[in-house]
Amino acid sequence: MSMSTFSTDVEETANQVPNGTAGPNLELVEDEMTEEGAGPLPSPEEASEPIIETIVAAADLDATGRPRVVFPEPPAITEHGPARIIALCNQKGGVGKTTTTINLGAAIAETGRRVLLVDFDPQGALSVGLGVNPHELDLTIYNLLMQREVSVDDVLLKTAVPGLDLLPGNIDLSAAEVQLVSEVAREQTLARVLAPVVGEYDVILIDCQPSLGLLTVNALAAADGVIIPLECEFFALRGVALLMDTIYRVQERINPRLEVEGILATMYDSRTLHGREVLSRVVEAFDDKVFHTVIARTVRFPETTVAGEPITTYASSSTGAAAYRELAREVLAS
């Protein structure tokens, strides 16, 4: 399926999300069921058989409504690089981009891969989520972009998670978007500064800002793939059409190798009809481009931000940690 088809499909999908309808009248009248052509009501023992089969069948489906897939543990590796670069992108804020960048990176690092996280959002939330105060930094990704004498090693920070490194960012990065406008090949600046370390890592994750400006285009130009975190909410769904159009344009004009890795449903609450409907419509529109892994809403994620560590170490046995480990297996299997 092409990027342009994605864009068209999601616009139609966003406008078709139903408000929910009342279910059928389930009251049964025995004399109607025993009219001519209908047999007597089944015994309780007979009636229970199809119900059991339905429950078993439902257990074989995942949260997206598709057959459950078990992804294997990634094989051990003895050499590192070249890195697969993935941008986490959505111009709507608050959909789980930073949370996913931190926890997916930590989960991949647990498999023995070397992972580099790039804080490409002037808000610096990725750095804060890993226990770094971005306002106290002398050098950030901004200096790496704008000052040729600054190297990756000058900016790089080690995290508390083995195999997980960070290129931090802060509010200075907002100036880069203005300053890059006059640069030659301005869309390729991030790709240029990351090139020296691509061979040292297995995965590089770029946390993009919630916009479709020059910084986001830089991330897409540097990336091999895009993961789109999508909150299971109607307004979040509507913005995907514009994002898909931007990805298509970058792919066509700047970076032909760019692909959509998948759409990740986040903040999912199976108890709400609206959440289930949105997820169903996303799967209907994008099918196999939607990850089987679904990230459910949990209070643990805000707690990890305060603690300054990934959920895989803060609450290792929680459902949130299990979900991101499952996502890591799914990403590495693709």
C-alpha atoms as a PDB file:
ATOM      1  CA  MET A   1       0.000   0.000   0.000  1.00  0.00           C
ATOM      2  CA  SER A   2       1.434   3.395  -0.969  1.00  0.00           C
ATOM      3  CA  MET A   3       1.833   6.397   1.324  1.00  0.00           C
ATOM      4  CA  SER A   4      -0.753   8.351  -0.649  1.00  0.00           C
ATOM      5  CA  THR A   5      -3.265   5.531  -0.200  1.00  0.00           C
ATOM      6  CA  PHE A   6      -2.579   5.626   3.564  1.00  0.00           C
ATOM      7  CA  SER A   7      -3.380   9.330   3.611  1.00  0.00           C
ATOM      8  CA  THR A   8      -6.658   8.864   1.773  1.00  0.00           C
ATOM      9  CA  ASP A   9      -7.683   5.881   3.897  1.00  0.00           C
ATOM     10  CA  VAL A  10      -7.107   7.608   7.199  1.00  0.00           C
ATOM     11  CA  GLU A  11      -9.141  10.672   6.179  1.00  0.00           C
ATOM     12  CA  GLU A  12     -12.056   8.396   5.348  1.00  0.00           C
ATOM     13  CA  THR A  13     -11.492   6.405   8.544  1.00  0.00           C
ATOM     14  CA  ALA A  14     -11.426   9.485  10.755  1.00  0.00           C
ATOM     15  CA  ASN A  15     -14.760  10.628   9.375  1.00  0.00           C
ATOM     16  CA  GLN A  16     -16.377   7.227   9.816  1.00  0.00           C
ATOM     17  CA  VAL A  17     -15.778   6.592  13.515  1.00  0.00           C
ATOM     18  CA  PRO A  18     -19.241   5.797  14.854  1.00  0.00           C
ATOM     19  CA  ASN A  19     -20.663   7.145  18.046  1.00  0.00           C
ATOM     20  CA  GLY A  20     -21.871   3.720  19.053  1.00  0.00           C
ATOM     21  CA  THR A  21     -25.329   2.257  18.671  1.00  0.00           C
ATOM     22  CA  ALA A  22     -27.569   0.445  21.063  1.00  0.00           C
ATOM     23  CA  GLY A  23     -27.325  -3.331  20.933  1.00  0.00           C
ATOM     24  CA  PRO A  24     -30.167  -5.577  19.825  1.00  0.00           C
ATOM     25  CA  ASN A  25     -33.070  -6.410  22.104  1.00  0.00           C
ATOM     26  CA  LEU A  26     -31.921  -9.623  23.723  1.00  0.00           C
ATOM     27  CA  GLU A  27     -35.226 -10.421  25.446  1.00  0.00           C
ATOM     28  CA  LEU A  28     -36.418 -13.780  24.191  1.00  0.00           C
ATOM     29  CA  VAL A  29     -40.047 -14.877  24.167  1.00  0.00           C
ATOM     30  CA  GLU A  30     -40.269 -18.637  24.312  1.00  0.00           C
ATOM     31  CA  ASP A  31     -43.503 -18.964  22.345  1.00  0.00           C
ATOM     32  CA  GLU A  32     -41.975 -17.037  19.413  1.00  0.00           C
ATOM     33  CA  MET A  33     -38.982 -19.382  19.413  1.00  0.00           C
ATOM     34  CA  THR A  34     -41.239 -22.442  19.182  1.00  0.00           C
ATOM     35  CA  GLU A  35     -43.319 -21.314  16.199  1.00  0.00           C
ATOM     36  CA  GLU A  36     -43.486 -23.482  13.088  1.00  0.00           C
ATOM     37  CA  GLY A  37     -40.011 -23.974  11.645  1.00  0.00           C
ATOM     38  CA  ALA A  38     -38.214 -23.415  14.939  1.00  0.00           C
ATOM     39  CA  GLY A  39     -37.290 -26.215  17.284  1.00  0.00           C
ATOM     40  CA  PRO A  40     -37.596 -26.225  21.053  1.00  0.00           C
ATOM     41  CA  LEU A  41     -35.186 -24.189  23.134  1.00  0.00           C
ATOM     42  CA  PRO A  42     -31.890 -26.046  23.746  1.00  0.00           C
ATOM     43  CA  SER A  43     -31.067 -27.453  27.131  1.00  0.00           C
ATOM     44  CA  PRO A  44     -28.562 -25.549  29.283  1.00  0.00           C
ATOM     45  CA  GLU A  45     -25.939 -28.212  28.489  1.00  0.00           C
ATOM     46  CA  GLU A  46     -26.440 -27.839  24.708  1.00  0.00           C
ATOM     47  CA  ALA A  47     -26.533 -24.048  24.886  1.00  0.00           C
ATOM     48  CA  SER A  48     -23.193 -23.853  26.703  1.00  0.00           C
ATOM     49  CA  GLU A  49     -21.175 -25.538  23.939  1.00  0.00           C
ATOM     50  CA  PRO A  50     -21.135 -22.691  21.366  1.00  0.00           C
ATOM     51  CA  ILE A  51     -20.528 -20.167  24.162  1.00  0.00           C
ATOM     52  CA  ILE A  52     -17.378 -22.055  25.182  1.00  0.00           C
ATOM     53  CA  GLU A  53     -16.213 -22.154  21.561  1.00  0.00           C
ATOM     54  CA  THR A  54     -16.739 -18.399  21.273  1.00  0.00           C
ATOM     55  CA  ILE A  55     -14.699 -17.736  24.403  1.00  0.00           C
ATOM     56  CA  VAL A  56     -11.860 -19.926  23.111  1.00  0.00           C
ATOM     57  CA  ALA A  57     -11.949 -18.153  19.735  1.00  0.00           C
ATOM     58  CA  ALA A  58     -11.841 -14.735  21.414  1.00  0.00           C
ATOM     59  CA  ALA A  59      -8.806 -15.815  23.435  1.00  0.00           C
ATOM     60  CA  ASP A  60      -6.928 -16.378  20.161  1.00  0.00           C
ATOM     61  CA  LEU A  61      -7.365 -12.702  19.173  1.00  0.00           C
ATOM     62  CA  ASP A  62      -5.185  -9.842  20.356  1.00  0.00           C
ATOM     63  CA  ALA A  63      -6.363  -6.349  21.354  1.00  0.00           C
ATOM     64  CA  THR A  64      -6.490  -5.289  17.699  1.00  0.00           C
ATOM     65  CA  GLY A  65      -9.024  -8.020  16.925  1.00  0.00           C
ATOM     66  CA  ARG A  66      -6.586  -9.974  14.759  1.00  0.00           C
ATOM     67  CA  PRO A  67      -5.182 -13.474  15.376  1.00  0.00           C
ATOM     68  CA  ARG A  68      -2.644 -13.385  18.180  1.00  0.00           C
ATOM     69  CA  VAL A  69       1.002 -13.522  17.079  1.00  0.00           C
ATOM     70  CA  VAL A  70       3.800 -14.666  19.369  1.00  0.00           C
ATOM     71  CA  PHE A  71       7.058 -12.948  18.424  1.00  0.00           C
ATOM     72  CA  PRO A  72      10.267 -14.863  19.161  1.00  0.00           C
ATOM     73  CA  GLU A  73      13.055 -13.682  21.424  1.00  0.00           C
ATOM     74  CA  PRO A  74      15.637 -11.837  19.316  1.00  0.00           C
ATOM     75  CA  PRO A  75      18.795 -13.877  18.672  1.00  0.00           C
ATOM     76  CA  ALA A  76      21.997 -12.917  20.451  1.00  0.00           C
ATOM     77  CA  ILE A  77      24.436 -10.786  18.466  1.00  0.00           C
ATOM     78  CA  THR A  78      28.233 -10.593  18.635  1.00  0.00           C
ATOM     79  CA  GLU A  79      28.790  -7.473  16.518  1.00  0.00           C
ATOM     80  CA  HIS A  80      27.085  -4.099  16.500  1.00  0.00           C
ATOM     81  CA  GLY A  81      25.941  -1.855  13.652  1.00  0.00           C
ATOM     82  CA  PRO A  82      25.064  -0.515  11.256  1.00  0.00           C
ATOM     83  CA  ALA A  83      22.133   1.044  13.089  1.00  0.00           C
ATOM     84  CA  ARG A  84      18.561   0.952  11.969  1.00  0.00           C
ATOM     85  CA  ILE A  85      17.291   4.518  12.441  1.00  0.00           C
ATOM     86  CA  ILE A  86      13.652   4.927  13.478  1.00  0.00           C
ATOM     87  CA  ALA A  87      11.840   8.241  13.969  1.00  0.00           C
ATOM     88  CA  LEU A  88       8.908   8.343  16.368  1.00  0.00           C
ATOM     89  CA  CYS A  89       6.661  10.934  14.858  1.00  0.00           C
ATOM     90  CA  ASN A  90       3.215  12.445  15.269  1.00  0.00           C
ATOM     91  CA  GLN A  91       2.437  16.154  15.033  1.00  0.00           C
ATOM     92  CA  LYS A  92      -0.168  15.801  17.786  1.00  0.00           C
ATOM     93  CA  GLY A  93       1.275  16.148  21.264  1.00  0.00           C
ATOM     94  CA  GLY A  94       0.574  13.851  24.181  1.00  0.00           C
ATOM     95  CA  VAL A  95       0.220  10.633  22.185  1.00  0.00           C
ATOM     96  CA  GLY A  96       3.107   8.753  23.804  1.00  0.00           C
ATOM     97  CA  LYS A  97       6.079   9.498  21.518  1.00  0.00           C
ATOM     98  CA  THR A  98       8.561  10.198  24.315  1.00  0.00           C
ATOM     99  CA  THR A  99       7.255   7.396  26.541  1.00  0.00           C
ATOM    100  CA  THR A 100       7.591   4.970  23.650  1.00  0.00           C
ATOM    101  CA  THR A 101      11.074   6.194  22.716  1.00  0.00           C
ATOM    102  CA  ILE A 102      12.374   5.666  26.260  1.00  0.00           C
ATOM    103  CA  ASN A 103      10.724   2.334  26.970  1.00  0.00           C
ATOM    104  CA  LEU A 104      11.132   0.787  23.525  1.00  0.00           C
ATOM    105  CA  GLY A 105      14.798   1.785  23.607  1.00  0.00           C
ATOM    106  CA  ALA A 106      15.278   0.258  27.045  1.00  0.00           C
ATOM    107  CA  ALA A 107      13.470  -2.945  26.032  1.00  0.00           C
ATOM    108  CA  ILE A 108      15.631  -3.308  22.922  1.00  0.00           C
ATOM    109  CA  ALA A 109      18.771  -2.680  25.000  1.00  0.00           C
ATOM    110  CA  GLU A 110      17.737  -5.584  27.251  1.00  0.00           C
ATOM    111  CA  THR A 111      18.185  -7.905  24.255  1.00  0.00           C
ATOM    112  CA  GLY A 112      21.884  -7.038  24.025  1.00  0.00           C
ATOM    113  CA  ARG A 113      21.537  -4.391  21.304  1.00  0.00           C
ATOM    114  CA  ARG A 114      23.236  -1.020  21.551  1.00  0.00           C
ATOM    115  CA  VAL A 115      20.642   1.743  21.359  1.00  0.00           C
ATOM    116  CA  LEU A 116      21.031   5.500  20.900  1.00  0.00           C
ATOM    117  CA  LEU A 117      18.148   7.839  21.799  1.00  0.00           C
ATOM    118  CA  VAL A 118      18.044  11.273  20.178  1.00  0.00           C
ATOM    119  CA  ASP A 119      16.061  14.005  21.957  1.00  0.00           C
ATOM    120  CA  PHE A 120      14.923  16.037  18.960  1.00  0.00           C
ATOM    121  CA  ASP A 121      12.216  17.969  20.775  1.00  0.00           C
ATOM    122  CA  PRO A 122      13.008  21.441  22.226  1.00  0.00           C
ATOM    123  CA  GLN A 123      10.892  20.551  25.264  1.00  0.00           C
ATOM    124  CA  GLY A 124      13.598  18.091  26.322  1.00  0.00           C
ATOM    125  CA  ALA A 125      11.079  15.566  27.659  1.00  0.00           C
ATOM    126  CA  LEU A 126      13.156  12.573  26.578  1.00  0.00           C
ATOM    127  CA  SER A 127      16.141  13.841  28.558  1.00  0.00           C
ATOM    128  CA  VAL A 128      13.975  14.524  31.616  1.00  0.00           C
ATOM    129  CA  GLY A 129      12.460  11.045  31.358  1.00  0.00           C
ATOM    130  CA  LEU A 130      15.944   9.582  31.692  1.00  0.00           C
ATOM    131  CA  GLY A 131      16.853  11.657  34.728  1.00  0.00           C
ATOM    132  CA  VAL A 132      18.747  14.444  32.925  1.00  0.00           C
ATOM    133  CA  ASN A 133      18.081  18.118  33.660  1.00  0.00           C
ATOM    134  CA  PRO A 134      18.248  19.652  30.166  1.00  0.00           C
ATOM    135  CA  HIS A 135      18.699  23.190  31.516  1.00  0.00           C
ATOM    136  CA  GLU A 136      22.021  22.289  33.124  1.00  0.00           C
ATOM    137  CA  LEU A 137      23.623  20.938  29.949  1.00  0.00           C
ATOM    138  CA  ASP A 138      26.510  22.764  28.285  1.00  0.00           C
ATOM    139  CA  LEU A 139      26.254  20.814  25.027  1.00  0.00           C
ATOM    140  CA  THR A 140      23.162  19.310  23.410  1.00  0.00           C
ATOM    141  CA  ILE A 141      21.976  18.089  20.026  1.00  0.00           C
ATOM    142  CA  TYR A 142      21.630  21.768  19.090  1.00  0.00           C
ATOM    143  CA  ASN A 143      25.397  22.290  19.329  1.00  0.00           C
ATOM    144  CA  LEU A 144      25.939  19.129  17.319  1.00  0.00           C
ATOM    145  CA  LEU A 145      23.708  20.454  14.533  1.00  0.00           C
ATOM    146  CA  MET A 146      25.008  24.001  14.397  1.00  0.00           C
ATOM    147  CA  GLN A 147      28.698  23.789  15.359  1.00  0.00           C
ATOM    148  CA  ARG A 148      30.886  21.635  13.145  1.00  0.00           C
ATOM    149  CA  GLU A 149      33.663  21.465  15.750  1.00  0.00           C
ATOM    150  CA  VAL A 150      31.324  19.634  18.163  1.00  0.00           C
ATOM    151  CA  SER A 151      31.323  15.832  17.823  1.00  0.00           C
ATOM    152  CA  VAL A 152      28.825  13.212  18.939  1.00  0.00           C
ATOM    153  CA  ASP A 153      31.185  12.106  21.706  1.00  0.00           C
ATOM    154  CA  ASP A 154      31.144  15.647  23.119  1.00  0.00           C
ATOM    155  CA  VAL A 155      27.362  15.527  23.568  1.00  0.00           C
ATOM    156  CA  LEU A 156      26.734  11.828  24.262  1.00  0.00           C
ATOM    157  CA  LEU A 157      25.486  10.790  27.711  1.00  0.00           C
ATOM    158  CA  LYS A 158      25.403   7.287  29.171  1.00  0.00           C
ATOM    159  CA  THR A 159      22.173   6.282  30.903  1.00  0.00           C
ATOM    160  CA  ALA A 160      21.627   3.964  33.854  1.00  0.00           C
ATOM    161  CA  VAL A 161      20.447   1.269  31.431  1.00  0.00           C
ATOM    162  CA  PRO A 162      23.324  -0.787  30.004  1.00  0.00           C
ATOM    163  CA  GLY A 163      23.621  -0.345  26.243  1.00  0.00           C
ATOM    164  CA  LEU A 164      21.338   2.716  26.173  1.00  0.00           C
ATOM    165  CA  ASP A 165      22.897   6.105  25.314  1.00  0.00           C
ATOM    166  CA  LEU A 166      21.377   9.565  24.900  1.00  0.00           C
ATOM    167  CA  LEU A 167      21.927  12.654  22.770  1.00  0.00           C
ATOM    168  CA  PRO A 168      20.090  15.192  24.961  1.00  0.00           C
ATOM    169  CA  GLY A 169      18.120  18.226  23.839  1.00  0.00           C
ATOM    170  CA  ASN A 170      16.680  21.370  25.365  1.00  0.00           C
ATOM    171  CA  ILE A 171      14.994  24.652  24.439  1.00  0.00           C
ATOM    172  CA  ASP A 172      18.070  25.739  22.425  1.00  0.00           C
ATOM    173  CA  LEU A 173      16.909  23.344  19.731  1.00  0.00           C
ATOM    174  CA  SER A 174      14.011  25.663  18.887  1.00  0.00           C
ATOM    175  CA  ALA A 175      16.551  28.139  17.499  1.00  0.00           C
ATOM    176  CA  ALA A 176      17.963  25.512  15.161  1.00  0.00           C
ATOM    177  CA  GLU A 177      14.753  25.408  13.139  1.00  0.00           C
ATOM    178  CA  VAL A 178      15.183  29.094  12.296  1.00  0.00           C
ATOM    179  CA  GLN A 179      18.935  28.955  11.755  1.00  0.00           C
ATOM    180  CA  LEU A 180      18.811  25.899   9.499  1.00  0.00           C
ATOM    181  CA  VAL A 181      16.577  27.666   6.975  1.00  0.00           C
ATOM    182  CA  SER A 182      19.573  29.364   5.332  1.00  0.00           C
ATOM    183  CA  GLU A 183      21.768  26.242   5.379  1.00  0.00           C
ATOM    184  CA  VAL A 184      22.617  24.246   2.254  1.00  0.00           C
ATOM    185  CA  ALA A 185      20.973  20.777   2.353  1.00  0.00           C
ATOM    186  CA  ARG A 186      19.227  21.814   5.579  1.00  0.00           C
ATOM    187  CA  GLU A 187      17.004  18.703   5.573  1.00  0.00           C
ATOM    188  CA  GLN A 188      20.087  16.446   5.761  1.00  0.00           C
ATOM    189  CA  THR A 189      21.752  18.060   8.792  1.00  0.00           C
ATOM    190  CA  LEU A 190      20.729  15.414  11.338  1.00  0.00           C
ATOM    191  CA  ALA A 191      21.705  12.580   9.000  1.00  0.00           C
ATOM    192  CA  ARG A 192      25.133  14.182   8.596  1.00  0.00           C
ATOM    193  CA  VAL A 193      25.848  14.450  12.335  1.00  0.00           C
ATOM    194  CA  LEU A 194      24.622  10.911  13.078  1.00  0.00           C
ATOM    195  CA  ALA A 195      26.637   9.296  10.281  1.00  0.00           C
ATOM    196  CA  PRO A 196      29.864   8.844  12.330  1.00  0.00           C
ATOM    197  CA  VAL A 197      28.122   6.692  14.978  1.00  0.00           C
ATOM    198  CA  VAL A 198      25.738   4.635  12.829  1.00  0.00           C
ATOM    199  CA  GLY A 199      28.249   1.805  12.825  1.00  0.00           C
ATOM    200  CA  GLU A 200      28.467   1.735  16.628  1.00  0.00           C
ATOM    201  CA  TYR A 201      24.777   1.124  17.374  1.00  0.00           C
ATOM    202  CA  ASP A 202      22.132  -1.388  16.358  1.00  0.00           C
ATOM    203  CA  VAL A 203      19.115   0.906  16.725  1.00  0.00           C
ATOM    204  CA  ILE A 204      18.810   4.705  16.820  1.00  0.00           C
ATOM    205  CA  LEU A 205      15.466   6.121  17.999  1.00  0.00           C
ATOM    206  CA  ILE A 206      14.633   9.780  17.312  1.00  0.00           C
ATOM    207  CA  ASP A 207      11.996  11.432  19.502  1.00  0.00           C
ATOM    208  CA  CYS A 208      10.418  14.102  17.268  1.00  0.00           C
ATOM    209  CA  GLN A 209       8.692  17.292  18.350  1.00  0.00           C
ATOM    210  CA  PRO A 210       4.892  17.545  17.934  1.00  0.00           C
ATOM    211  CA  SER A 211       4.982  19.431  14.647  1.00  0.00           C
ATOM    212  CA  LEU A 212       5.743  18.857  10.975  1.00  0.00           C
ATOM    213  CA  GLY A 213       8.434  21.553  10.734  1.00  0.00           C
ATOM    214  CA  LEU A 214      12.039  21.435   9.619  1.00  0.00           C
ATOM    215  CA  LEU A 215      13.262  19.452  12.629  1.00  0.00           C
ATOM    216  CA  THR A 216      10.749  16.685  11.953  1.00  0.00           C
ATOM    217  CA  VAL A 217      11.668  16.665   8.259  1.00  0.00           C
ATOM    218  CA  ASN A 218      15.317  16.290   9.323  1.00  0.00           C
ATOM    219  CA  ALA A 219      14.385  13.263  11.436  1.00  0.00           C
ATOM    220  CA  LEU A 220      12.457  11.691   8.557  1.00  0.00           C
ATOM    221  CA  ALA A 221      15.322  12.383   6.150  1.00  0.00           C
ATOM    222  CA  ALA A 222      17.746  10.578   8.467  1.00  0.00           C
ATOM    223  CA  ALA A 223      15.475   7.626   9.261  1.00  0.00           C
ATOM    224  CA  ASP A 224      15.010   4.206   7.707  1.00  0.00           C
ATOM    225  CA  GLY A 225      11.534   3.916   9.198  1.00  0.00           C
ATOM    226  CA  VAL A 226       8.804   5.713  11.124  1.00  0.00           C
ATOM    227  CA  ILE A 227       6.794   4.527  14.110  1.00  0.00           C
ATOM    228  CA  ILE A 228       3.595   6.526  14.593  1.00  0.00           C
ATOM    229  CA  PRO A 229       2.318   6.436  18.183  1.00  0.00           C
ATOM    230  CA  LEU A 230      -1.421   7.024  18.043  1.00  0.00           C
ATOM    231  CA  GLU A 231      -3.612   7.669  21.052  1.00  0.00           C
ATOM    232  CA  CYS A 232      -6.867   5.731  20.767  1.00  0.00           C
ATOM    233  CA  GLU A 233      -8.900   8.912  20.539  1.00  0.00           C
ATOM    234  CA  PHE A 234     -10.801  10.510  17.659  1.00  0.00           C
ATOM    235  CA  PHE A 235      -8.842  13.778  17.324  1.00  0.00           C
ATOM    236  CA  ALA A 236      -5.523  11.927  17.337  1.00  0.00           C
ATOM    237  CA  LEU A 237      -6.781   9.817  14.448  1.00  0.00           C
ATOM    238  CA  ARG A 238      -7.655  12.821  12.310  1.00  0.00           C
ATOM    239  CA  GLY A 239      -4.086  14.159  12.358  1.00  0.00           C
ATOM    240  CA  VAL A 240      -2.584  11.026  10.837  1.00  0.00           C
ATOM    241  CA  ALA A 241      -3.668  12.021   7.311  1.00  0.00           C
ATOM    242  CA  LEU A 242      -1.435  15.108   7.337  1.00  0.00           C
ATOM    243  CA  LEU A 243       1.468  13.144   8.802  1.00  0.00           C
ATOM    244  CA  MET A 244       1.157  10.470   6.129  1.00  0.00           C
ATOM    245  CA  ASP A 245       1.242  13.158   3.459  1.00  0.00           C
ATOM    246  CA  THR A 246       4.461  14.583   4.949  1.00  0.00           C
ATOM    247  CA  ILE A 247       6.061  11.125   5.088  1.00  0.00           C
ATOM    248  CA  TYR A 248       5.099  10.529   1.468  1.00  0.00           C
ATOM    249  CA  ARG A 249       6.676  13.821   0.366  1.00  0.00           C
ATOM    250  CA  VAL A 250       9.924  13.126   2.246  1.00  0.00           C
ATOM    251  CA  GLN A 251      10.052   9.636   0.777  1.00  0.00           C
ATOM    252  CA  GLU A 252       9.463  10.953  -2.735  1.00  0.00           C
ATOM    253  CA  ARG A 253      11.826  13.949  -2.664  1.00  0.00           C
ATOM    254  CA  ILE A 254      14.504  13.391  -0.003  1.00  0.00           C
ATOM    255  CA  ASN A 255      14.702   9.864   1.421  1.00  0.00           C
ATOM    256  CA  PRO A 256      13.487   7.013  -0.827  1.00  0.00           C
ATOM    257  CA  ARG A 257      14.342   4.334   1.768  1.00  0.00           C
ATOM    258  CA  LEU A 258      11.902   5.779   4.329  1.00  0.00           C
ATOM    259  CA  GLU A 259       9.121   3.375   5.284  1.00  0.00           C
ATOM    260  CA  VAL A 260       6.313   3.298   7.821  1.00  0.00           C
ATOM    261  CA  GLU A 261       7.355   0.695  10.385  1.00  0.00           C
ATOM    262  CA  GLY A 262       3.918   0.728  11.912  1.00  0.00           C
ATOM    263  CA  ILE A 263       1.223   2.560  13.809  1.00  0.00           C
ATOM    264  CA  LEU A 264       1.340   1.961  17.546  1.00  0.00           C
ATOM    265  CA  ALA A 265      -1.898   2.234  19.502  1.00  0.00           C
ATOM    266  CA  THR A 266      -1.175   3.932  22.844  1.00  0.00           C
ATOM    267  CA  MET A 267      -3.183   4.949  25.929  1.00  0.00           C
ATOM    268  CA  TYR A 268      -5.676   2.240  25.052  1.00  0.00           C
ATOM    269  CA  ASP A 269      -8.522   1.595  27.469  1.00  0.00           C
ATOM    270  CA  SER A 270     -10.515  -1.496  26.521  1.00  0.00           C
ATOM    271  CA  ARG A 271     -13.283  -0.461  28.918  1.00  0.00           C
ATOM    272  CA  THR A 272     -14.381   2.463  26.722  1.00  0.00           C
ATOM    273  CA  LEU A 273     -16.450   1.984  23.603  1.00  0.00           C
ATOM    274  CA  HIS A 274     -14.772   4.950  21.921  1.00  0.00           C
ATOM    275  CA  GLY A 275     -11.283   3.519  22.406  1.00  0.00           C
ATOM    276  CA  ARG A 276     -12.323   0.161  20.964  1.00  0.00           C
ATOM    277  CA  GLU A 277     -14.000   1.829  17.981  1.00  0.00           C
ATOM    278  CA  VAL A 278     -10.979   3.999  17.145  1.00  0.00           C
ATOM    279  CA  LEU A 279      -8.612   1.028  17.344  1.00  0.00           C
ATOM    280  CA  SER A 280     -10.959  -1.021  15.170  1.00  0.00           C
ATOM    281  CA  ARG A 281     -11.077   1.725  12.520  1.00  0.00           C
ATOM    282  CA  VAL A 282      -7.289   2.118  12.511  1.00  0.00           C
ATOM    283  CA  VAL A 283      -6.844  -1.623  11.956  1.00  0.00           C
ATOM    284  CA  GLU A 284      -9.521  -1.536   9.255  1.00  0.00           C
ATOM    285  CA  ALA A 285      -7.705   1.256   7.394  1.00  0.00           C
ATOM    286  CA  PHE A 286      -4.065   0.170   7.838  1.00  0.00           C
ATOM    287  CA  ASP A 287      -4.313  -3.576   8.474  1.00  0.00           C
ATOM    288  CA  ASP A 288      -0.793  -5.042   8.798  1.00  0.00           C
ATOM    289  CA  LYS A 289       0.768  -1.587   9.284  1.00  0.00           C
ATOM    290  CA  VAL A 290      -0.744  -1.541  12.790  1.00  0.00           C
ATOM    291  CA  PHE A 291       1.429  -3.194  15.413  1.00  0.00           C
ATOM    292  CA  HIS A 292      -0.082  -6.197  17.154  1.00  0.00           C
ATOM    293  CA  THR A 293       1.274  -4.787  20.406  1.00  0.00           C
ATOM    294  CA  VAL A 294      -1.072  -2.281  22.048  1.00  0.00           C
ATOM    295  CA  ILE A 295       0.076  -0.018  24.891  1.00  0.00           C
ATOM    296  CA  ALA A 296      -2.646   0.228  27.522  1.00  0.00           C
ATOM    297  CA  ARG A 297      -3.163   3.255  29.722  1.00  0.00           C
ATOM    298  CA  THR A 298      -1.566   2.852  33.158  1.00  0.00           C
ATOM    299  CA  VAL A 299      -0.548   5.097  36.047  1.00  0.00           C
ATOM    300  CA  ARG A 300       2.934   3.558  35.960  1.00  0.00           C
ATOM    301  CA  PHE A 301       4.035   5.652  32.973  1.00  0.00           C
ATOM    302  CA  PRO A 302       3.704   9.062  34.700  1.00  0.00           C
ATOM    303  CA  GLU A 303       5.478   7.584  37.715  1.00  0.00           C
ATOM    304  CA  THR A 304       8.481   6.573  35.597  1.00  0.00           C
ATOM    305  CA  THR A 305       8.853  10.155  34.339  1.00  0.00           C
ATOM    306  CA  VAL A 306       9.153  11.402  37.903  1.00  0.00           C
ATOM    307  CA  ALA A 307      11.606   8.604  38.705  1.00  0.00           C
ATOM    308  CA  GLY A 308      13.675   9.400  35.606  1.00  0.00           C
ATOM    309  CA  GLU A 309      13.965   5.814  34.378  1.00  0.00           C
ATOM    310  CA  PRO A 310      12.268   3.421  31.941  1.00  0.00           C
ATOM    311  CA  ILE A 311       9.353   1.302  33.055  1.00  0.00           C
ATOM    312  CA  THR A 312      11.446  -1.793  32.320  1.00  0.00           C
ATOM    313  CA  THR A 313      13.578  -0.977  35.375  1.00  0.00           C
ATOM    314  CA  TYR A 314      11.114   1.046  37.473  1.00  0.00           C
ATOM    315  CA  ALA A 315       8.330  -1.551  37.365  1.00  0.00           C
ATOM    316  CA  SER A 316       9.912  -4.486  35.583  1.00  0.00           C
ATOM    317  CA  SER A 317       7.027  -6.918  36.159  1.00  0.00           C
ATOM    318  CA  SER A 318       4.235  -4.478  35.261  1.00  0.00           C
ATOM    319  CA  THR A 319       1.931  -4.856  32.269  1.00  0.00           C
ATOM    320  CA  GLY A 320       3.440  -1.699  30.743  1.00  0.00           C
ATOM    321  CA  ALA A 321       6.946  -3.183  30.847  1.00  0.00           C
ATOM    322  CA  ALA A 322       5.660  -6.421  29.336  1.00  0.00           C
ATOM    323  CA  ALA A 323       3.956  -4.482  26.529  1.00  0.00           C
ATOM    324  CA  TYR A 324       7.134  -2.630  25.570  1.00  0.00           C
ATOM    325  CA  ARG A 325       9.183  -5.820  25.665  1.00  0.00           C
ATOM    326  CA  GLU A 326       6.614  -7.344  23.329  1.00  0.00           C
ATOM    327  CA  LEU A 327       6.871  -4.281  21.074  1.00  0.00           C
ATOM    328  CA  ALA A 328      10.671  -4.634  21.045  1.00  0.00           C
ATOM    329  CA  ARG A 329      10.349  -8.236  19.865  1.00  0.00           C
ATOM    330  CA  GLU A 330       7.853  -7.165  17.201  1.00  0.00           C
ATOM    331  CA  VAL A 331      10.065  -4.334  15.927  1.00  0.00           C
ATOM    332  CA  LEU A 332      13.191  -6.505  15.836  1.00  0.00           C
ATOM    333  CA  ALA A 333      11.295  -9.293  14.051  1.00  0.00           C
ATOM    334  CA  SER A 334      10.255  -7.009  11.190  1.00  0.00           C
END
